[in-house]
Amino acid sequence: MRAEEVEILDSFERGELRSARAVEREVELALEAARNTFNKTKRVNLRVTERDFKLAKARAREEGIPYQTLLSSVVHKYLSGRLTEKR
């Protein structure tokens, strides 16, 4: 075993590791990103407020994905009817 693997195993055995939050959500995002990898894409310039840009980057950081991927996912979900406004 490599040193990194031994360290991870030791941490696990000491009970220092915990499950990731919303694992299903992370898997869904990873699968969608993988599917989109082979789709032809078009470059779009989009202007957003500084506040929205910072919020998008923060949310993407929480999800562990690039902010461009997050924004693309939001647009795709909205246009395909899978993202709707809360009322």
N, C-alpha and C. Protein backbone atom coordinates (compact mmCIF):
# COMPACT_ATOMS: atom_id res chain seq x y z
N MET A 1 0.84 -1.19 0.00
CA MET A 1 0.00 0.00 0.00
C MET A 1 0.88 1.25 0.00
N ARG A 2 0.42 2.28 -0.70
CA ARG A 2 1.15 3.55 -0.70
C ARG A 2 0.90 4.28 0.62
N ALA A 3 1.79 5.20 0.92
CA ALA A 3 1.70 5.96 2.17
C ALA A 3 0.36 6.69 2.28
N GLU A 4 -0.11 7.24 1.17
CA GLU A 4 -1.38 7.97 1.19
C GLU A 4 -2.53 7.02 1.55
N GLU A 5 -2.51 5.81 1.01
CA GLU A 5 -3.56 4.85 1.30
C GLU A 5 -3.52 4.41 2.77
N VAL A 6 -2.33 4.24 3.30
CA VAL A 6 -2.16 3.87 4.71
C VAL A 6 -2.71 4.98 5.60
N GLU A 7 -2.42 6.21 5.24
CA GLU A 7 -2.91 7.36 6.02
C GLU A 7 -4.44 7.42 6.02
N ILE A 8 -5.04 7.17 4.85
CA ILE A 8 -6.50 7.19 4.76
C ILE A 8 -7.09 6.06 5.59
N LEU A 9 -6.51 4.87 5.49
CA LEU A 9 -6.99 3.72 6.26
C LEU A 9 -6.88 3.99 7.76
N ASP A 10 -5.75 4.55 8.19
CA ASP A 10 -5.57 4.88 9.60
C ASP A 10 -6.62 5.88 10.07
N SER A 11 -6.89 6.91 9.26
CA SER A 11 -7.90 7.91 9.61
C SER A 11 -9.27 7.27 9.73
N PHE A 12 -9.56 6.35 8.80
CA PHE A 12 -10.84 5.65 8.85
C PHE A 12 -10.97 4.83 10.12
N GLU A 13 -9.95 4.10 10.44
CA GLU A 13 -9.98 3.24 11.63
C GLU A 13 -10.07 4.04 12.92
N ARG A 14 -9.56 5.28 12.92
CA ARG A 14 -9.67 6.14 14.11
C ARG A 14 -11.02 6.85 14.16
N GLY A 15 -11.84 6.66 13.15
CA GLY A 15 -13.16 7.28 13.12
C GLY A 15 -13.12 8.75 12.74
N GLU A 16 -12.08 9.18 12.07
CA GLU A 16 -11.92 10.59 11.71
C GLU A 16 -12.60 10.95 10.39
N LEU A 17 -13.00 9.97 9.62
CA LEU A 17 -13.63 10.24 8.34
C LEU A 17 -15.14 10.17 8.48
N ARG A 18 -15.82 10.97 7.67
CA ARG A 18 -17.27 10.96 7.68
C ARG A 18 -17.76 10.95 6.24
N SER A 19 -18.99 10.52 6.04
CA SER A 19 -19.57 10.47 4.71
C SER A 19 -19.73 11.88 4.17
N ALA A 20 -19.57 12.00 2.86
CA ALA A 20 -19.79 13.28 2.21
C ALA A 20 -21.28 13.62 2.26
N ARG A 21 -21.58 14.91 2.36
CA ARG A 21 -22.97 15.34 2.33
C ARG A 21 -23.53 15.12 0.94
N ALA A 22 -24.76 14.73 0.88
CA ALA A 22 -25.48 14.62 -0.38
C ALA A 22 -24.69 13.87 -1.45
N VAL A 23 -24.27 12.66 -1.12
CA VAL A 23 -23.49 11.86 -2.05
C VAL A 23 -24.24 11.66 -3.36
N GLU A 24 -25.54 11.40 -3.26
CA GLU A 24 -26.33 11.19 -4.47
C GLU A 24 -26.27 12.41 -5.39
N ARG A 25 -26.32 13.59 -4.81
CA ARG A 25 -26.26 14.84 -5.58
C ARG A 25 -24.90 14.96 -6.26
N GLU A 26 -23.83 14.63 -5.56
CA GLU A 26 -22.50 14.70 -6.14
C GLU A 26 -22.36 13.71 -7.29
N VAL A 27 -22.90 12.53 -7.12
CA VAL A 27 -22.84 11.52 -8.19
C VAL A 27 -23.64 12.01 -9.40
N GLU A 28 -24.82 12.58 -9.15
CA GLU A 28 -25.65 13.10 -10.24
C GLU A 28 -24.90 14.19 -11.02
N LEU A 29 -24.27 15.10 -10.30
CA LEU A 29 -23.51 16.17 -10.97
C LEU A 29 -22.34 15.61 -11.76
N ALA A 30 -21.65 14.63 -11.19
CA ALA A 30 -20.51 14.03 -11.90
C ALA A 30 -20.97 13.32 -13.16
N LEU A 31 -22.08 12.59 -13.07
CA LEU A 31 -22.60 11.89 -14.24
C LEU A 31 -23.03 12.87 -15.32
N GLU A 32 -23.70 13.94 -14.90
CA GLU A 32 -24.13 14.94 -15.88
C GLU A 32 -22.93 15.61 -16.54
N ALA A 33 -21.92 15.91 -15.75
CA ALA A 33 -20.71 16.52 -16.32
C ALA A 33 -20.04 15.56 -17.28
N ALA A 34 -20.01 14.27 -16.95
CA ALA A 34 -19.41 13.27 -17.84
C ALA A 34 -20.19 13.18 -19.15
N ARG A 35 -21.51 13.16 -19.04
CA ARG A 35 -22.34 13.10 -20.26
C ARG A 35 -22.11 14.34 -21.12
N ASN A 36 -22.00 15.49 -20.48
CA ASN A 36 -21.82 16.73 -21.22
C ASN A 36 -20.43 16.87 -21.82
N THR A 37 -19.49 16.08 -21.35
CA THR A 37 -18.12 16.16 -21.85
C THR A 37 -18.07 15.90 -23.35
N PHE A 38 -18.89 14.98 -23.82
CA PHE A 38 -18.84 14.60 -25.22
C PHE A 38 -19.87 15.34 -26.08
N ASN A 39 -20.67 16.18 -25.48
CA ASN A 39 -21.62 16.98 -26.24
C ASN A 39 -20.88 18.14 -26.90
N LYS A 40 -21.30 18.49 -28.10
CA LYS A 40 -20.73 19.67 -28.73
C LYS A 40 -21.22 20.89 -27.95
N THR A 41 -20.32 21.79 -27.67
CA THR A 41 -20.69 22.96 -26.90
C THR A 41 -20.44 24.22 -27.72
N LYS A 42 -21.14 25.25 -27.36
CA LYS A 42 -20.96 26.57 -27.95
C LYS A 42 -20.52 27.52 -26.85
N ARG A 43 -19.61 28.38 -27.18
CA ARG A 43 -19.14 29.38 -26.23
C ARG A 43 -20.17 30.51 -26.14
N VAL A 44 -20.47 30.93 -24.93
CA VAL A 44 -21.43 32.00 -24.69
C VAL A 44 -20.81 32.99 -23.72
N ASN A 45 -20.93 34.25 -24.04
CA ASN A 45 -20.53 35.29 -23.08
C ASN A 45 -21.79 35.73 -22.36
N LEU A 46 -21.73 35.69 -21.05
CA LEU A 46 -22.89 35.99 -20.23
C LEU A 46 -22.51 37.04 -19.20
N ARG A 47 -23.27 38.09 -19.13
CA ARG A 47 -23.00 39.11 -18.13
C ARG A 47 -23.95 38.91 -16.96
N VAL A 48 -23.37 38.85 -15.76
CA VAL A 48 -24.15 38.72 -14.52
C VAL A 48 -23.63 39.75 -13.54
N THR A 49 -24.43 40.02 -12.53
CA THR A 49 -23.99 40.98 -11.53
C THR A 49 -22.81 40.39 -10.75
N GLU A 50 -22.04 41.25 -10.15
CA GLU A 50 -20.91 40.81 -9.32
C GLU A 50 -21.41 39.90 -8.19
N ARG A 51 -22.55 40.26 -7.61
CA ARG A 51 -23.12 39.46 -6.51
C ARG A 51 -23.46 38.05 -6.99
N ASP A 52 -24.14 37.95 -8.15
CA ASP A 52 -24.51 36.63 -8.66
C ASP A 52 -23.27 35.82 -9.04
N PHE A 53 -22.27 36.49 -9.58
CA PHE A 53 -21.02 35.81 -9.93
C PHE A 53 -20.36 35.21 -8.69
N LYS A 54 -20.29 36.00 -7.62
CA LYS A 54 -19.70 35.50 -6.39
C LYS A 54 -20.51 34.35 -5.80
N LEU A 55 -21.85 34.47 -5.86
CA LEU A 55 -22.71 33.39 -5.36
C LEU A 55 -22.52 32.11 -6.17
N ALA A 56 -22.40 32.26 -7.49
CA ALA A 56 -22.19 31.09 -8.35
C ALA A 56 -20.86 30.42 -8.04
N LYS A 57 -19.82 31.22 -7.86
CA LYS A 57 -18.51 30.64 -7.55
C LYS A 57 -18.52 29.95 -6.19
N ALA A 58 -19.21 30.55 -5.22
CA ALA A 58 -19.27 29.95 -3.89
C ALA A 58 -20.05 28.64 -3.93
N ARG A 59 -21.18 28.62 -4.61
CA ARG A 59 -21.98 27.40 -4.70
C ARG A 59 -21.21 26.30 -5.44
N ALA A 60 -20.52 26.68 -6.51
CA ALA A 60 -19.73 25.70 -7.26
C ALA A 60 -18.62 25.12 -6.38
N ARG A 61 -18.01 25.97 -5.59
CA ARG A 61 -16.96 25.51 -4.66
C ARG A 61 -17.56 24.49 -3.67
N GLU A 62 -18.77 24.78 -3.16
CA GLU A 62 -19.44 23.86 -2.24
C GLU A 62 -19.71 22.51 -2.91
N GLU A 63 -20.06 22.55 -4.19
CA GLU A 63 -20.38 21.34 -4.93
C GLU A 63 -19.13 20.64 -5.46
N GLY A 64 -18.00 21.36 -5.42
CA GLY A 64 -16.75 20.77 -5.90
C GLY A 64 -16.65 20.71 -7.41
N ILE A 65 -17.27 21.68 -8.08
CA ILE A 65 -17.23 21.71 -9.54
C ILE A 65 -16.85 23.11 -10.00
N PRO A 66 -16.37 23.25 -11.24
CA PRO A 66 -16.08 24.59 -11.76
C PRO A 66 -17.37 25.41 -11.89
N TYR A 67 -17.26 26.72 -11.70
CA TYR A 67 -18.46 27.55 -11.74
C TYR A 67 -19.10 27.55 -13.12
N GLN A 68 -18.29 27.39 -14.19
CA GLN A 68 -18.85 27.33 -15.54
C GLN A 68 -19.75 26.10 -15.68
N THR A 69 -19.34 24.99 -15.09
CA THR A 69 -20.14 23.76 -15.13
C THR A 69 -21.44 23.96 -14.37
N LEU A 70 -21.37 24.62 -13.23
CA LEU A 70 -22.57 24.89 -12.45
C LEU A 70 -23.54 25.75 -13.25
N LEU A 71 -23.05 26.84 -13.83
CA LEU A 71 -23.92 27.73 -14.59
C LEU A 71 -24.52 27.02 -15.80
N SER A 72 -23.73 26.22 -16.48
CA SER A 72 -24.22 25.45 -17.62
C SER A 72 -25.31 24.48 -17.19
N SER A 73 -25.12 23.85 -16.03
CA SER A 73 -26.10 22.91 -15.52
C SER A 73 -27.41 23.62 -15.17
N VAL A 74 -27.31 24.78 -14.57
CA VAL A 74 -28.51 25.55 -14.21
C VAL A 74 -29.28 25.93 -15.48
N VAL A 75 -28.58 26.41 -16.48
CA VAL A 75 -29.24 26.79 -17.74
C VAL A 75 -29.90 25.57 -18.37
N HIS A 76 -29.16 24.46 -18.43
CA HIS A 76 -29.70 23.23 -19.03
C HIS A 76 -30.95 22.75 -18.28
N LYS A 77 -30.88 22.70 -16.96
CA LYS A 77 -32.02 22.23 -16.17
C LYS A 77 -33.23 23.14 -16.34
N TYR A 78 -33.00 24.45 -16.38
CA TYR A 78 -34.11 25.38 -16.57
C TYR A 78 -34.76 25.18 -17.93
N LEU A 79 -33.93 25.11 -18.96
CA LEU A 79 -34.46 24.99 -20.32
C LEU A 79 -35.14 23.64 -20.56
N SER A 80 -34.71 22.61 -19.84
CA SER A 80 -35.33 21.30 -20.01
C SER A 80 -36.51 21.08 -19.07
N GLY A 81 -36.85 22.11 -18.27
CA GLY A 81 -38.01 22.04 -17.38
C GLY A 81 -37.75 21.35 -16.07
N ARG A 82 -36.50 21.02 -15.78
CA ARG A 82 -36.19 20.33 -14.52
C ARG A 82 -35.86 21.31 -13.40
N LEU A 83 -35.79 22.58 -13.70
CA LEU A 83 -35.51 23.60 -12.68
C LEU A 83 -36.63 24.64 -12.77
N THR A 84 -37.35 24.78 -11.68
CA THR A 84 -38.46 25.72 -11.69
C THR A 84 -38.34 26.68 -10.53
N GLU A 85 -39.04 27.77 -10.63
CA GLU A 85 -39.02 28.81 -9.60
C GLU A 85 -39.83 28.37 -8.39
N LYS A 86 -39.29 28.61 -7.19
CA LYS A 86 -40.05 28.34 -5.95
C LYS A 86 -41.10 29.41 -5.78
N ARG A 87 -42.24 29.03 -5.33
CA ARG A 87 -43.30 30.03 -5.07
C ARG A 87 -43.80 29.90 -3.68
